[in-house]
Amino acid sequence: MALHWDVTEVENFEEKVYYKNDDGELQIQLAAEQLIFVTMLLGLNEITKKNADEFFDRLCIWERCFGKLRPLGESYTLEEVRSFIGLKTNASSMSKAKFKNHVMRNLRQEAESARIKEEREKENAA
């Protein structure tokens, strides 16, 4: 399923979400694009006044478990997340419990991958 998104309800979305490249074409800002795609990881398909803090909390949890999502190792701030109130996508929603299970499943997959890699390296060295 393709990810569809809408930023028209984000305050000052024209400046916050888009910029003009050297050819004068409208492009999406990297920070905005990443937040759009992050909605899939976090299981929150919109940022509202009611869930902005939960969005930020889940983002922090994800980054602590799997690393920073932004280039140069930067983290999103709560202020940045709140500035995107109004962002909507068609990503699937997850309850807090489902998100916790999603994180644990991904951590387990990483652990299993690390174990398998180590076992293969040991076999190849023998």
PDB file of N, CA and C in Angstrom:
ATOM      1  N   MET A   1       0.843  -1.173   0.000  1.00  0.00           N
ATOM      2  CA  MET A   1       0.000   0.000   0.000  1.00  0.00           C
ATOM      3  C   MET A   1       0.894   1.244   0.000  1.00  0.00           C
ATOM      4  N   ALA A   2       0.613   2.154  -0.861  1.00  0.00           N
ATOM      5  CA  ALA A   2       1.367   3.405  -0.934  1.00  0.00           C
ATOM      6  C   ALA A   2       1.021   4.296   0.253  1.00  0.00           C
ATOM      7  N   LEU A   3       2.003   5.048   0.702  1.00  0.00           N
ATOM      8  CA  LEU A   3       1.769   5.985   1.795  1.00  0.00           C
ATOM      9  C   LEU A   3       1.247   7.292   1.215  1.00  0.00           C
ATOM     10  N   HIS A   4       0.074   7.682   1.662  1.00  0.00           N
ATOM     11  CA  HIS A   4      -0.516   8.961   1.262  1.00  0.00           C
ATOM     12  C   HIS A   4      -0.484   9.884   2.458  1.00  0.00           C
ATOM     13  N   TRP A   5      -0.286  11.167   2.205  1.00  0.00           N
ATOM     14  CA  TRP A   5      -0.180  12.108   3.307  1.00  0.00           C
ATOM     15  C   TRP A   5      -0.773  13.457   2.947  1.00  0.00           C
ATOM     16  N   ASP A   6      -1.087  14.205   4.004  1.00  0.00           N
ATOM     17  CA  ASP A   6      -1.695  15.528   3.848  1.00  0.00           C
ATOM     18  C   ASP A   6      -1.092  16.443   4.910  1.00  0.00           C
ATOM     19  N   VAL A   7      -0.577  17.570   4.482  1.00  0.00           N
ATOM     20  CA  VAL A   7       0.030  18.534   5.406  1.00  0.00           C
ATOM     21  C   VAL A   7      -0.694  19.873   5.394  1.00  0.00           C
ATOM     22  N   THR A   8      -1.813  19.937   4.712  1.00  0.00           N
ATOM     23  CA  THR A   8      -2.485  21.227   4.545  1.00  0.00           C
ATOM     24  C   THR A   8      -3.003  21.810   5.856  1.00  0.00           C
ATOM     25  N   GLU A   9      -3.128  20.985   6.894  1.00  0.00           N
ATOM     26  CA  GLU A   9      -3.571  21.499   8.188  1.00  0.00           C
ATOM     27  C   GLU A   9      -2.415  21.817   9.129  1.00  0.00           C
ATOM     28  N   VAL A  10      -1.178  21.610   8.669  1.00  0.00           N
ATOM     29  CA  VAL A  10       0.002  21.991   9.455  1.00  0.00           C
ATOM     30  C   VAL A  10       0.154  23.503   9.339  1.00  0.00           C
ATOM     31  N   GLU A  11       0.321  24.172  10.471  1.00  0.00           N
ATOM     32  CA  GLU A  11       0.451  25.629  10.463  1.00  0.00           C
ATOM     33  C   GLU A  11       1.665  26.041   9.634  1.00  0.00           C
ATOM     34  N   ASN A  12       1.466  27.001   8.748  1.00  0.00           N
ATOM     35  CA  ASN A  12       2.522  27.502   7.848  1.00  0.00           C
ATOM     36  C   ASN A  12       3.162  26.379   7.031  1.00  0.00           C
ATOM     37  N   PHE A  13       2.337  25.431   6.580  1.00  0.00           N
ATOM     38  CA  PHE A  13       2.888  24.265   5.889  1.00  0.00           C
ATOM     39  C   PHE A  13       3.675  24.633   4.634  1.00  0.00           C
ATOM     40  N   GLU A  14       3.321  25.736   3.986  1.00  0.00           N
ATOM     41  CA  GLU A  14       4.032  26.106   2.758  1.00  0.00           C
ATOM     42  C   GLU A  14       5.519  26.324   3.029  1.00  0.00           C
ATOM     43  N   GLU A  15       5.856  26.968   4.147  1.00  0.00           N
ATOM     44  CA  GLU A  15       7.255  27.235   4.486  1.00  0.00           C
ATOM     45  C   GLU A  15       7.887  26.072   5.240  1.00  0.00           C
ATOM     46  N   LYS A  16       7.116  25.415   6.085  1.00  0.00           N
ATOM     47  CA  LYS A  16       7.646  24.368   6.949  1.00  0.00           C
ATOM     48  C   LYS A  16       7.893  23.064   6.196  1.00  0.00           C
ATOM     49  N   VAL A  17       7.073  22.782   5.220  1.00  0.00           N
ATOM     50  CA  VAL A  17       7.126  21.487   4.552  1.00  0.00           C
ATOM     51  C   VAL A  17       7.846  21.544   3.207  1.00  0.00           C
ATOM     52  N   TYR A  18       7.764  22.658   2.524  1.00  0.00           N
ATOM     53  CA  TYR A  18       8.314  22.742   1.165  1.00  0.00           C
ATOM     54  C   TYR A  18       9.404  23.799   1.039  1.00  0.00           C
ATOM     55  N   TYR A  19      10.232  23.625   0.012  1.00  0.00           N
ATOM     56  CA  TYR A  19      11.197  24.648  -0.395  1.00  0.00           C
ATOM     57  C   TYR A  19      11.344  24.569  -1.907  1.00  0.00           C
ATOM     58  N   LYS A  20      11.874  25.614  -2.500  1.00  0.00           N
ATOM     59  CA  LYS A  20      12.137  25.608  -3.943  1.00  0.00           C
ATOM     60  C   LYS A  20      13.601  25.275  -4.163  1.00  0.00           C
ATOM     61  N   ASN A  21      13.842  24.287  -5.046  1.00  0.00           N
ATOM     62  CA  ASN A  21      15.222  23.918  -5.355  1.00  0.00           C
ATOM     63  C   ASN A  21      15.821  24.932  -6.332  1.00  0.00           C
ATOM     64  N   ASP A  22      17.044  24.690  -6.764  1.00  0.00           N
ATOM     65  CA  ASP A  22      17.746  25.629  -7.644  1.00  0.00           C
ATOM     66  C   ASP A  22      17.031  25.843  -8.974  1.00  0.00           C
ATOM     67  N   ASP A  23      16.233  24.861  -9.395  1.00  0.00           N
ATOM     68  CA  ASP A  23      15.477  24.980 -10.643  1.00  0.00           C
ATOM     69  C   ASP A  23      14.102  25.618 -10.426  1.00  0.00           C
ATOM     70  N   GLY A  24      13.818  26.023  -9.187  1.00  0.00           N
ATOM     71  CA  GLY A  24      12.541  26.652  -8.880  1.00  0.00           C
ATOM     72  C   GLY A  24      11.406  25.667  -8.662  1.00  0.00           C
ATOM     73  N   GLU A  25      11.750  24.361  -8.608  1.00  0.00           N
ATOM     74  CA  GLU A  25      10.724  23.341  -8.387  1.00  0.00           C
ATOM     75  C   GLU A  25      10.465  23.183  -6.895  1.00  0.00           C
ATOM     76  N   LEU A  26       9.221  22.944  -6.546  1.00  0.00           N
ATOM     77  CA  LEU A  26       8.838  22.740  -5.157  1.00  0.00           C
ATOM     78  C   LEU A  26       9.288  21.357  -4.704  1.00  0.00           C
ATOM     79  N   GLN A  27      10.006  21.304  -3.593  1.00  0.00           N
ATOM     80  CA  GLN A  27      10.502  20.052  -3.025  1.00  0.00           C
ATOM     81  C   GLN A  27      10.066  19.967  -1.572  1.00  0.00           C
ATOM     82  N   ILE A  28      10.003  18.747  -1.045  1.00  0.00           N
ATOM     83  CA  ILE A  28       9.632  18.573   0.354  1.00  0.00           C
ATOM     84  C   ILE A  28      10.886  18.651   1.226  1.00  0.00           C
ATOM     85  N   GLN A  29      10.768  19.338   2.352  1.00  0.00           N
ATOM     86  CA  GLN A  29      11.872  19.427   3.307  1.00  0.00           C
ATOM     87  C   GLN A  29      12.158  18.034   3.863  1.00  0.00           C
ATOM     88  N   LEU A  30      13.417  17.724   4.100  1.00  0.00           N
ATOM     89  CA  LEU A  30      13.806  16.408   4.605  1.00  0.00           C
ATOM     90  C   LEU A  30      13.147  16.098   5.947  1.00  0.00           C
ATOM     91  N   ALA A  31      13.127  17.050   6.861  1.00  0.00           N
ATOM     92  CA  ALA A  31      12.530  16.813   8.180  1.00  0.00           C
ATOM     93  C   ALA A  31      11.051  16.453   8.060  1.00  0.00           C
ATOM     94  N   ALA A  32      10.353  17.124   7.182  1.00  0.00           N
ATOM     95  CA  ALA A  32       8.930  16.836   6.976  1.00  0.00           C
ATOM     96  C   ALA A  32       8.750  15.454   6.359  1.00  0.00           C
ATOM     97  N   GLU A  33       9.554  15.144   5.358  1.00  0.00           N
ATOM     98  CA  GLU A  33       9.448  13.844   4.699  1.00  0.00           C
ATOM     99  C   GLU A  33       9.715  12.710   5.683  1.00  0.00           C
ATOM    100  N   GLN A  34      10.722  12.896   6.525  1.00  0.00           N
ATOM    101  CA  GLN A  34      11.021  11.853   7.504  1.00  0.00           C
ATOM    102  C   GLN A  34       9.879  11.663   8.488  1.00  0.00           C
ATOM    103  N   LEU A  35       9.301  12.752   8.979  1.00  0.00           N
ATOM    104  CA  LEU A  35       8.181  12.618   9.915  1.00  0.00           C
ATOM    105  C   LEU A  35       7.000  11.915   9.260  1.00  0.00           C
ATOM    106  N   ILE A  36       6.782  12.183   7.989  1.00  0.00           N
ATOM    107  CA  ILE A  36       5.698  11.514   7.259  1.00  0.00           C
ATOM    108  C   ILE A  36       5.929  10.001   7.271  1.00  0.00           C
ATOM    109  N   PHE A  37       7.139   9.568   6.946  1.00  0.00           N
ATOM    110  CA  PHE A  37       7.431   8.139   6.892  1.00  0.00           C
ATOM    111  C   PHE A  37       7.503   7.509   8.285  1.00  0.00           C
ATOM    112  N   VAL A  38       7.909   8.291   9.279  1.00  0.00           N
ATOM    113  CA  VAL A  38       7.998   7.798  10.647  1.00  0.00           C
ATOM    114  C   VAL A  38       6.622   7.413  11.182  1.00  0.00           C
ATOM    115  N   THR A  39       5.558   8.003  10.647  1.00  0.00           N
ATOM    116  CA  THR A  39       4.220   7.634  11.114  1.00  0.00           C
ATOM    117  C   THR A  39       3.983   6.131  10.976  1.00  0.00           C
ATOM    118  N   MET A  40       4.600   5.507   9.982  1.00  0.00           N
ATOM    119  CA  MET A  40       4.448   4.060   9.802  1.00  0.00           C
ATOM    120  C   MET A  40       5.170   3.295  10.903  1.00  0.00           C
ATOM    121  N   LEU A  41       6.368   3.731  11.266  1.00  0.00           N
ATOM    122  CA  LEU A  41       7.136   3.056  12.314  1.00  0.00           C
ATOM    123  C   LEU A  41       6.457   3.172  13.676  1.00  0.00           C
ATOM    124  N   LEU A  42       5.883   4.341  13.926  1.00  0.00           N
ATOM    125  CA  LEU A  42       5.345   4.631  15.252  1.00  0.00           C
ATOM    126  C   LEU A  42       3.895   4.200  15.430  1.00  0.00           C
ATOM    127  N   GLY A  43       3.225   3.876  14.338  1.00  0.00           N
ATOM    128  CA  GLY A  43       1.830   3.450  14.440  1.00  0.00           C
ATOM    129  C   GLY A  43       0.888   4.578  14.828  1.00  0.00           C
ATOM    130  N   LEU A  44       1.260   5.791  14.466  1.00  0.00           N
ATOM    131  CA  LEU A  44       0.398   6.959  14.671  1.00  0.00           C
ATOM    132  C   LEU A  44       0.269   7.649  13.323  1.00  0.00           C
ATOM    133  N   ASN A  45      -0.924   7.657  12.757  1.00  0.00           N
ATOM    134  CA  ASN A  45      -1.089   8.147  11.391  1.00  0.00           C
ATOM    135  C   ASN A  45      -1.380   9.642  11.294  1.00  0.00           C
ATOM    136  N   GLU A  46      -1.301  10.318  12.421  1.00  0.00           N
ATOM    137  CA  GLU A  46      -1.459  11.768  12.396  1.00  0.00           C
ATOM    138  C   GLU A  46      -0.816  12.354  13.638  1.00  0.00           C
ATOM    139  N   ILE A  47      -0.506  13.636  13.562  1.00  0.00           N
ATOM    140  CA  ILE A  47      -0.025  14.362  14.736  1.00  0.00           C
ATOM    141  C   ILE A  47      -1.098  15.386  15.078  1.00  0.00           C
ATOM    142  N   THR A  48      -1.643  15.223  16.278  1.00  0.00           N
ATOM    143  CA  THR A  48      -2.695  16.107  16.765  1.00  0.00           C
ATOM    144  C   THR A  48      -2.236  16.737  18.077  1.00  0.00           C
ATOM    145  N   LYS A  49      -2.976  17.728  18.544  1.00  0.00           N
ATOM    146  CA  LYS A  49      -2.682  18.306  19.857  1.00  0.00           C
ATOM    147  C   LYS A  49      -2.760  17.223  20.933  1.00  0.00           C
ATOM    148  N   LYS A  50      -3.695  16.315  20.746  1.00  0.00           N
ATOM    149  CA  LYS A  50      -3.929  15.270  21.744  1.00  0.00           C
ATOM    150  C   LYS A  50      -2.819  14.213  21.770  1.00  0.00           C
ATOM    151  N   ASN A  51      -2.217  13.897  20.602  1.00  0.00           N
ATOM    152  CA  ASN A  51      -1.244  12.798  20.589  1.00  0.00           C
ATOM    153  C   ASN A  51       0.195  13.232  20.300  1.00  0.00           C
ATOM    154  N   ALA A  52       0.465  14.517  20.205  1.00  0.00           N
ATOM    155  CA  ALA A  52       1.822  14.978  19.863  1.00  0.00           C
ATOM    156  C   ALA A  52       2.857  14.486  20.877  1.00  0.00           C
ATOM    157  N   ASP A  53       2.511  14.504  22.157  1.00  0.00           N
ATOM    158  CA  ASP A  53       3.455  14.028  23.174  1.00  0.00           C
ATOM    159  C   ASP A  53       3.689  12.524  23.039  1.00  0.00           C
ATOM    160  N   GLU A  54       2.640  11.766  22.759  1.00  0.00           N
ATOM    161  CA  GLU A  54       2.788  10.323  22.546  1.00  0.00           C
ATOM    162  C   GLU A  54       3.624  10.054  21.293  1.00  0.00           C
ATOM    163  N   PHE A  55       3.417  10.829  20.243  1.00  0.00           N
ATOM    164  CA  PHE A  55       4.219  10.703  19.026  1.00  0.00           C
ATOM    165  C   PHE A  55       5.695  10.909  19.370  1.00  0.00           C
ATOM    166  N   PHE A  56       5.980  11.966  20.124  1.00  0.00           N
ATOM    167  CA  PHE A  56       7.356  12.259  20.524  1.00  0.00           C
ATOM    168  C   PHE A  56       7.921  11.134  21.390  1.00  0.00           C
ATOM    169  N   ASP A  57       7.140  10.644  22.350  1.00  0.00           N
ATOM    170  CA  ASP A  57       7.607   9.557  23.212  1.00  0.00           C
ATOM    171  C   ASP A  57       7.963   8.320  22.390  1.00  0.00           C
ATOM    172  N   ARG A  58       7.091   7.950  21.464  1.00  0.00           N
ATOM    173  CA  ARG A  58       7.368   6.777  20.625  1.00  0.00           C
ATOM    174  C   ARG A  58       8.598   7.003  19.748  1.00  0.00           C
ATOM    175  N   LEU A  59       8.751   8.210  19.266  1.00  0.00           N
ATOM    176  CA  LEU A  59       9.922   8.548  18.454  1.00  0.00           C
ATOM    177  C   LEU A  59      11.200   8.385  19.278  1.00  0.00           C
ATOM    178  N   CYS A  60      11.180   8.859  20.514  1.00  0.00           N
ATOM    179  CA  CYS A  60      12.340   8.721  21.407  1.00  0.00           C
ATOM    180  C   CYS A  60      12.635   7.248  21.692  1.00  0.00           C
ATOM    181  N   ILE A  61      11.599   6.468  21.951  1.00  0.00           N
ATOM    182  CA  ILE A  61      11.772   5.034  22.206  1.00  0.00           C
ATOM    183  C   ILE A  61      12.409   4.373  20.995  1.00  0.00           C
ATOM    184  N   TRP A  62      11.873   4.662  19.810  1.00  0.00           N
ATOM    185  CA  TRP A  62      12.397   4.043  18.587  1.00  0.00           C
ATOM    186  C   TRP A  62      13.871   4.403  18.390  1.00  0.00           C
ATOM    187  N   GLU A  63      14.197   5.680  18.575  1.00  0.00           N
ATOM    188  CA  GLU A  63      15.585   6.109  18.364  1.00  0.00           C
ATOM    189  C   GLU A  63      16.532   5.511  19.401  1.00  0.00           C
ATOM    190  N   ARG A  64      16.079   5.357  20.621  1.00  0.00           N
ATOM    191  CA  ARG A  64      16.948   4.747  21.643  1.00  0.00           C
ATOM    192  C   ARG A  64      17.209   3.275  21.340  1.00  0.00           C
ATOM    193  N   CYS A  65      16.242   2.618  20.747  1.00  0.00           N
ATOM    194  CA  CYS A  65      16.388   1.201  20.417  1.00  0.00           C
ATOM    195  C   CYS A  65      17.149   0.963  19.118  1.00  0.00           C
ATOM    196  N   PHE A  66      16.918   1.811  18.115  1.00  0.00           N
ATOM    197  CA  PHE A  66      17.409   1.512  16.779  1.00  0.00           C
ATOM    198  C   PHE A  66      18.297   2.597  16.172  1.00  0.00           C
ATOM    199  N   GLY A  67      18.514   3.672  16.889  1.00  0.00           N
ATOM    200  CA  GLY A  67      19.375   4.739  16.389  1.00  0.00           C
ATOM    201  C   GLY A  67      18.573   5.917  15.847  1.00  0.00           C
ATOM    202  N   LYS A  68      19.286   6.998  15.673  1.00  0.00           N
ATOM    203  CA  LYS A  68      18.674   8.242  15.210  1.00  0.00           C
ATOM    204  C   LYS A  68      18.148   8.085  13.794  1.00  0.00           C
ATOM    205  N   LEU A  69      17.048   8.758  13.526  1.00  0.00           N
ATOM    206  CA  LEU A  69      16.426   8.689  12.206  1.00  0.00           C
ATOM    207  C   LEU A  69      16.876   9.824  11.295  1.00  0.00           C
ATOM    208  N   ARG A  70      17.425  10.864  11.879  1.00  0.00           N
ATOM    209  CA  ARG A  70      17.843  12.028  11.089  1.00  0.00           C
ATOM    210  C   ARG A  70      19.324  11.930  10.761  1.00  0.00           C
ATOM    211  N   PRO A  71      19.721  12.555   9.658  1.00  0.00           N
ATOM    212  CA  PRO A  71      21.150  12.588   9.341  1.00  0.00           C
ATOM    213  C   PRO A  71      21.911  13.321  10.442  1.00  0.00           C
ATOM    214  N   LEU A  72      23.158  13.042  10.566  1.00  0.00           N
ATOM    215  CA  LEU A  72      24.058  13.682  11.530  1.00  0.00           C
ATOM    216  C   LEU A  72      23.716  13.344  12.974  1.00  0.00           C
ATOM    217  N   GLY A  73      22.922  12.306  13.183  1.00  0.00           N
ATOM    218  CA  GLY A  73      22.629  11.839  14.525  1.00  0.00           C
ATOM    219  C   GLY A  73      21.782  12.764  15.373  1.00  0.00           C
ATOM    220  N   GLU A  74      21.055  13.653  14.736  1.00  0.00           N
ATOM    221  CA  GLU A  74      20.194  14.579  15.473  1.00  0.00           C
ATOM    222  C   GLU A  74      18.875  13.894  15.827  1.00  0.00           C
ATOM    223  N   SER A  75      18.259  14.362  16.882  1.00  0.00           N
ATOM    224  CA  SER A  75      16.933  13.884  17.269  1.00  0.00           C
ATOM    225  C   SER A  75      15.918  14.986  17.019  1.00  0.00           C
ATOM    226  N   TYR A  76      14.690  14.580  16.769  1.00  0.00           N
ATOM    227  CA  TYR A  76      13.610  15.559  16.702  1.00  0.00           C
ATOM    228  C   TYR A  76      13.345  16.071  18.106  1.00  0.00           C
ATOM    229  N   THR A  77      12.990  17.322  18.220  1.00  0.00           N
ATOM    230  CA  THR A  77      12.617  17.886  19.507  1.00  0.00           C
ATOM    231  C   THR A  77      11.096  17.824  19.647  1.00  0.00           C
ATOM    232  N   LEU A  78      10.643  17.939  20.885  1.00  0.00           N
ATOM    233  CA  LEU A  78       9.204  17.977  21.125  1.00  0.00           C
ATOM    234  C   LEU A  78       8.595  19.168  20.393  1.00  0.00           C
ATOM    235  N   GLU A  79       9.300  20.283  20.379  1.00  0.00           N
ATOM    236  CA  GLU A  79       8.812  21.483  19.680  1.00  0.00           C
ATOM    237  C   GLU A  79       8.639  21.217  18.185  1.00  0.00           C
ATOM    238  N   GLU A  80       9.595  20.504  17.585  1.00  0.00           N
ATOM    239  CA  GLU A  80       9.484  20.183  16.153  1.00  0.00           C
ATOM    240  C   GLU A  80       8.269  19.301  15.888  1.00  0.00           C
ATOM    241  N   VAL A  81       8.102  18.282  16.713  1.00  0.00           N
ATOM    242  CA  VAL A  81       6.947  17.389  16.534  1.00  0.00           C
ATOM    243  C   VAL A  81       5.653  18.185  16.661  1.00  0.00           C
ATOM    244  N   ARG A  82       5.573  19.010  17.685  1.00  0.00           N
ATOM    245  CA  ARG A  82       4.353  19.806  17.878  1.00  0.00           C
ATOM    246  C   ARG A  82       4.128  20.779  16.724  1.00  0.00           C
ATOM    247  N   SER A  83       5.193  21.218  16.084  1.00  0.00           N
ATOM    248  CA  SER A  83       5.032  22.149  14.961  1.00  0.00           C
ATOM    249  C   SER A  83       4.408  21.475  13.741  1.00  0.00           C
ATOM    250  N   PHE A  84       4.340  20.142  13.749  1.00  0.00           N
ATOM    251  CA  PHE A  84       3.724  19.401  12.648  1.00  0.00           C
ATOM    252  C   PHE A  84       2.323  18.904  13.000  1.00  0.00           C
ATOM    253  N   ILE A  85       1.726  19.487  14.041  1.00  0.00           N
ATOM    254  CA  ILE A  85       0.333  19.151  14.345  1.00  0.00           C
ATOM    255  C   ILE A  85      -0.507  19.473  13.106  1.00  0.00           C
ATOM    256  N   GLY A  86      -1.302  18.509  12.694  1.00  0.00           N
ATOM    257  CA  GLY A  86      -2.093  18.641  11.470  1.00  0.00           C
ATOM    258  C   GLY A  86      -1.649  17.668  10.389  1.00  0.00           C
ATOM    259  N   LEU A  87      -0.439  17.084  10.535  1.00  0.00           N
ATOM    260  CA  LEU A  87       0.048  16.081   9.584  1.00  0.00           C
ATOM    261  C   LEU A  87      -0.835  14.842   9.668  1.00  0.00           C
ATOM    262  N   LYS A  88      -1.244  14.328   8.504  1.00  0.00           N
ATOM    263  CA  LYS A  88      -2.070  13.118   8.440  1.00  0.00           C
ATOM    264  C   LYS A  88      -1.518  12.195   7.371  1.00  0.00           C
ATOM    265  N   THR A  89      -1.547  10.889   7.658  1.00  0.00           N
ATOM    266  CA  THR A  89      -1.153   9.881   6.669  1.00  0.00           C
ATOM    267  C   THR A  89      -2.148   8.733   6.722  1.00  0.00           C
ATOM    268  N   ASN A  90      -1.980   7.799   5.814  1.00  0.00           N
ATOM    269  CA  ASN A  90      -2.814   6.595   5.825  1.00  0.00           C
ATOM    270  C   ASN A  90      -2.080   5.416   6.460  1.00  0.00           C
ATOM    271  N   ALA A  91      -1.060   5.694   7.263  1.00  0.00           N
ATOM    272  CA  ALA A  91      -0.334   4.632   7.957  1.00  0.00           C
ATOM    273  C   ALA A  91      -1.275   3.915   8.922  1.00  0.00           C
ATOM    274  N   SER A  92      -0.971   2.670   9.201  1.00  0.00           N
ATOM    275  CA  SER A  92      -1.771   1.905  10.166  1.00  0.00           C
ATOM    276  C   SER A  92      -1.539   2.438  11.572  1.00  0.00           C
ATOM    277  N   SER A  93      -2.578   2.395  12.378  1.00  0.00           N
ATOM    278  CA  SER A  93      -2.479   2.828  13.770  1.00  0.00           C
ATOM    279  C   SER A  93      -2.172   1.644  14.670  1.00  0.00           C
ATOM    280  N   MET A  94      -1.428   1.913  15.742  1.00  0.00           N
ATOM    281  CA  MET A  94      -1.124   0.898  16.745  1.00  0.00           C
ATOM    282  C   MET A  94      -1.434   1.458  18.125  1.00  0.00           C
ATOM    283  N   SER A  95      -2.028   0.620  18.952  1.00  0.00           N
ATOM    284  CA  SER A  95      -2.208   0.981  20.354  1.00  0.00           C
ATOM    285  C   SER A  95      -0.822   1.011  21.007  1.00  0.00           C
ATOM    286  N   LYS A  96      -0.765   1.499  22.234  1.00  0.00           N
ATOM    287  CA  LYS A  96       0.512   1.500  22.964  1.00  0.00           C
ATOM    288  C   LYS A  96       1.049   0.079  23.107  1.00  0.00           C
ATOM    289  N   ALA A  97       0.172  -0.856  23.399  1.00  0.00           N
ATOM    290  CA  ALA A  97       0.592  -2.252  23.554  1.00  0.00           C
ATOM    291  C   ALA A  97       1.115  -2.825  22.236  1.00  0.00           C
ATOM    292  N   LYS A  98       0.439  -2.538  21.142  1.00  0.00           N
ATOM    293  CA  LYS A  98       0.903  -3.033  19.836  1.00  0.00           C
ATOM    294  C   LYS A  98       2.232  -2.395  19.459  1.00  0.00           C
ATOM    295  N   PHE A  99       2.400  -1.110  19.779  1.00  0.00           N
ATOM    296  CA  PHE A  99       3.670  -0.450  19.498  1.00  0.00           C
ATOM    297  C   PHE A  99       4.789  -1.109  20.307  1.00  0.00           C
ATOM    298  N   LYS A 100       4.535  -1.381  21.573  1.00  0.00           N
ATOM    299  CA  LYS A 100       5.531  -2.048  22.419  1.00  0.00           C
ATOM    300  C   LYS A 100       5.919  -3.392  21.814  1.00  0.00           C
ATOM    301  N   ASN A 101       4.939  -4.166  21.375  1.00  0.00           N
ATOM    302  CA  ASN A 101       5.216  -5.463  20.749  1.00  0.00           C
ATOM    303  C   ASN A 101       5.981  -5.291  19.443  1.00  0.00           C
ATOM    304  N   HIS A 102       5.644  -4.265  18.692  1.00  0.00           N
ATOM    305  CA  HIS A 102       6.336  -3.952  17.434  1.00  0.00           C
ATOM    306  C   HIS A 102       7.814  -3.668  17.700  1.00  0.00           C
ATOM    307  N   VAL A 103       8.096  -2.872  18.710  1.00  0.00           N
ATOM    308  CA  VAL A 103       9.480  -2.553  19.070  1.00  0.00           C
ATOM    309  C   VAL A 103      10.211  -3.820  19.510  1.00  0.00           C
ATOM    310  N   MET A 104       9.582  -4.604  20.379  1.00  0.00           N
ATOM    311  CA  MET A 104      10.218  -5.829  20.871  1.00  0.00           C
ATOM    312  C   MET A 104      10.476  -6.822  19.739  1.00  0.00           C
ATOM    313  N   ARG A 105       9.556  -6.928  18.818  1.00  0.00           N
ATOM    314  CA  ARG A 105       9.736  -7.832  17.673  1.00  0.00           C
ATOM    315  C   ARG A 105      10.942  -7.394  16.834  1.00  0.00           C
ATOM    316  N   ASN A 106      11.065  -6.089  16.619  1.00  0.00           N
ATOM    317  CA  ASN A 106      12.202  -5.574  15.858  1.00  0.00           C
ATOM    318  C   ASN A 106      13.512  -5.750  16.613  1.00  0.00           C
ATOM    319  N   LEU A 107      13.504  -5.554  17.930  1.00  0.00           N
ATOM    320  CA  LEU A 107      14.710  -5.777  18.731  1.00  0.00           C
ATOM    321  C   LEU A 107      15.131  -7.240  18.668  1.00  0.00           C
ATOM    322  N   ARG A 108      14.151  -8.145  18.767  1.00  0.00           N
ATOM    323  CA  ARG A 108      14.460  -9.571  18.690  1.00  0.00           C
ATOM    324  C   ARG A 108      15.053  -9.927  17.327  1.00  0.00           C
ATOM    325  N   GLN A 109      14.493  -9.370  16.253  1.00  0.00           N
ATOM    326  CA  GLN A 109      15.024  -9.642  14.915  1.00  0.00           C
ATOM    327  C   GLN A 109      16.470  -9.154  14.795  1.00  0.00           C
ATOM    328  N   GLU A 110      16.754  -7.990  15.358  1.00  0.00           N
ATOM    329  CA  GLU A 110      18.128  -7.479  15.325  1.00  0.00           C
ATOM    330  C   GLU A 110      19.059  -8.384  16.120  1.00  0.00           C
ATOM    331  N   ALA A 111      18.594  -8.847  17.276  1.00  0.00           N
ATOM    332  CA  ALA A 111      19.416  -9.732  18.103  1.00  0.00           C
ATOM    333  C   ALA A 111      19.685 -11.051  17.376  1.00  0.00           C
ATOM    334  N   GLU A 112      18.653 -11.618  16.769  1.00  0.00           N
ATOM    335  CA  GLU A 112      18.819 -12.873  16.033  1.00  0.00           C
ATOM    336  C   GLU A 112      19.755 -12.696  14.848  1.00  0.00           C
ATOM    337  N   SER A 113      19.631 -11.588  14.150  1.00  0.00           N
ATOM    338  CA  SER A 113      20.522 -11.305  13.019  1.00  0.00           C
ATOM    339  C   SER A 113      21.968 -11.187  13.480  1.00  0.00           C
ATOM    340  N   ALA A 114      22.182 -10.520  14.613  1.00  0.00           N
ATOM    341  CA  ALA A 114      23.538 -10.366  15.147  1.00  0.00           C
ATOM    342  C   ALA A 114      24.121 -11.727  15.529  1.00  0.00           C
ATOM    343  N   ARG A 115      23.299 -12.584  16.138  1.00  0.00           N
ATOM    344  CA  ARG A 115      23.755 -13.920  16.524  1.00  0.00           C
ATOM    345  C   ARG A 115      24.115 -14.740  15.297  1.00  0.00           C
ATOM    346  N   ILE A 116      23.264 -14.730  14.292  1.00  0.00           N
ATOM    347  CA  ILE A 116      23.514 -15.494  13.069  1.00  0.00           C
ATOM    348  C   ILE A 116      24.781 -15.002  12.379  1.00  0.00           C
ATOM    349  N   LYS A 117      24.956 -13.687  12.325  1.00  0.00           N
ATOM    350  CA  LYS A 117      26.156 -13.111  11.708  1.00  0.00           C
ATOM    351  C   LYS A 117      27.400 -13.574  12.451  1.00  0.00           C
ATOM    352  N   GLU A 118      27.348 -13.530  13.775  1.00  0.00           N
ATOM    353  CA  GLU A 118      28.503 -13.957  14.572  1.00  0.00           C
ATOM    354  C   GLU A 118      28.808 -15.430  14.372  1.00  0.00           C
ATOM    355  N   GLU A 119      27.757 -16.257  14.319  1.00  0.00           N
ATOM    356  CA  GLU A 119      27.953 -17.690  14.095  1.00  0.00           C
ATOM    357  C   GLU A 119      28.579 -17.949  12.723  1.00  0.00           C
ATOM    358  N   ARG A 120      28.125 -17.240  11.696  1.00  0.00           N
ATOM    359  CA  ARG A 120      28.685 -17.406  10.348  1.00  0.00           C
ATOM    360  C   ARG A 120      30.146 -16.976  10.296  1.00  0.00           C
ATOM    361  N   GLU A 121      30.444 -15.870  10.953  1.00  0.00           N
ATOM    362  CA  GLU A 121      31.829 -15.386  10.968  1.00  0.00           C
ATOM    363  C   GLU A 121      32.739 -16.395  11.675  1.00  0.00           C
ATOM    364  N   LYS A 122      32.229 -16.986  12.738  1.00  0.00           N
ATOM    365  CA  LYS A 122      32.997 -17.992  13.469  1.00  0.00           C
ATOM    366  C   LYS A 122      33.230 -19.225  12.606  1.00  0.00           C
ATOM    367  N   GLU A 123      32.185 -19.654  11.880  1.00  0.00           N
ATOM    368  CA  GLU A 123      32.292 -20.818  10.984  1.00  0.00           C
ATOM    369  C   GLU A 123      33.285 -20.526   9.862  1.00  0.00           C
ATOM    370  N   ASN A 124      33.229 -19.344   9.291  1.00  0.00           N
ATOM    371  CA  ASN A 124      34.130 -18.982   8.188  1.00  0.00           C
ATOM    372  C   ASN A 124      35.584 -18.861   8.645  1.00  0.00           C
ATOM    373  N   ALA A 125      35.786 -18.502   9.900  1.00  0.00           N
ATOM    374  CA  ALA A 125      37.135 -18.357  10.417  1.00  0.00           C
ATOM    375  C   ALA A 125      37.751 -19.720  10.716  1.00  0.00           C
ATOM    376  N   ALA A 126      36.913 -20.736  10.926  1.00  0.00           N
ATOM    377  CA  ALA A 126      37.408 -22.074  11.293  1.00  0.00           C
ATOM    378  C   ALA A 126      37.953 -22.842  10.125  1.00  0.00           C
TER     379      ALA A 126
END
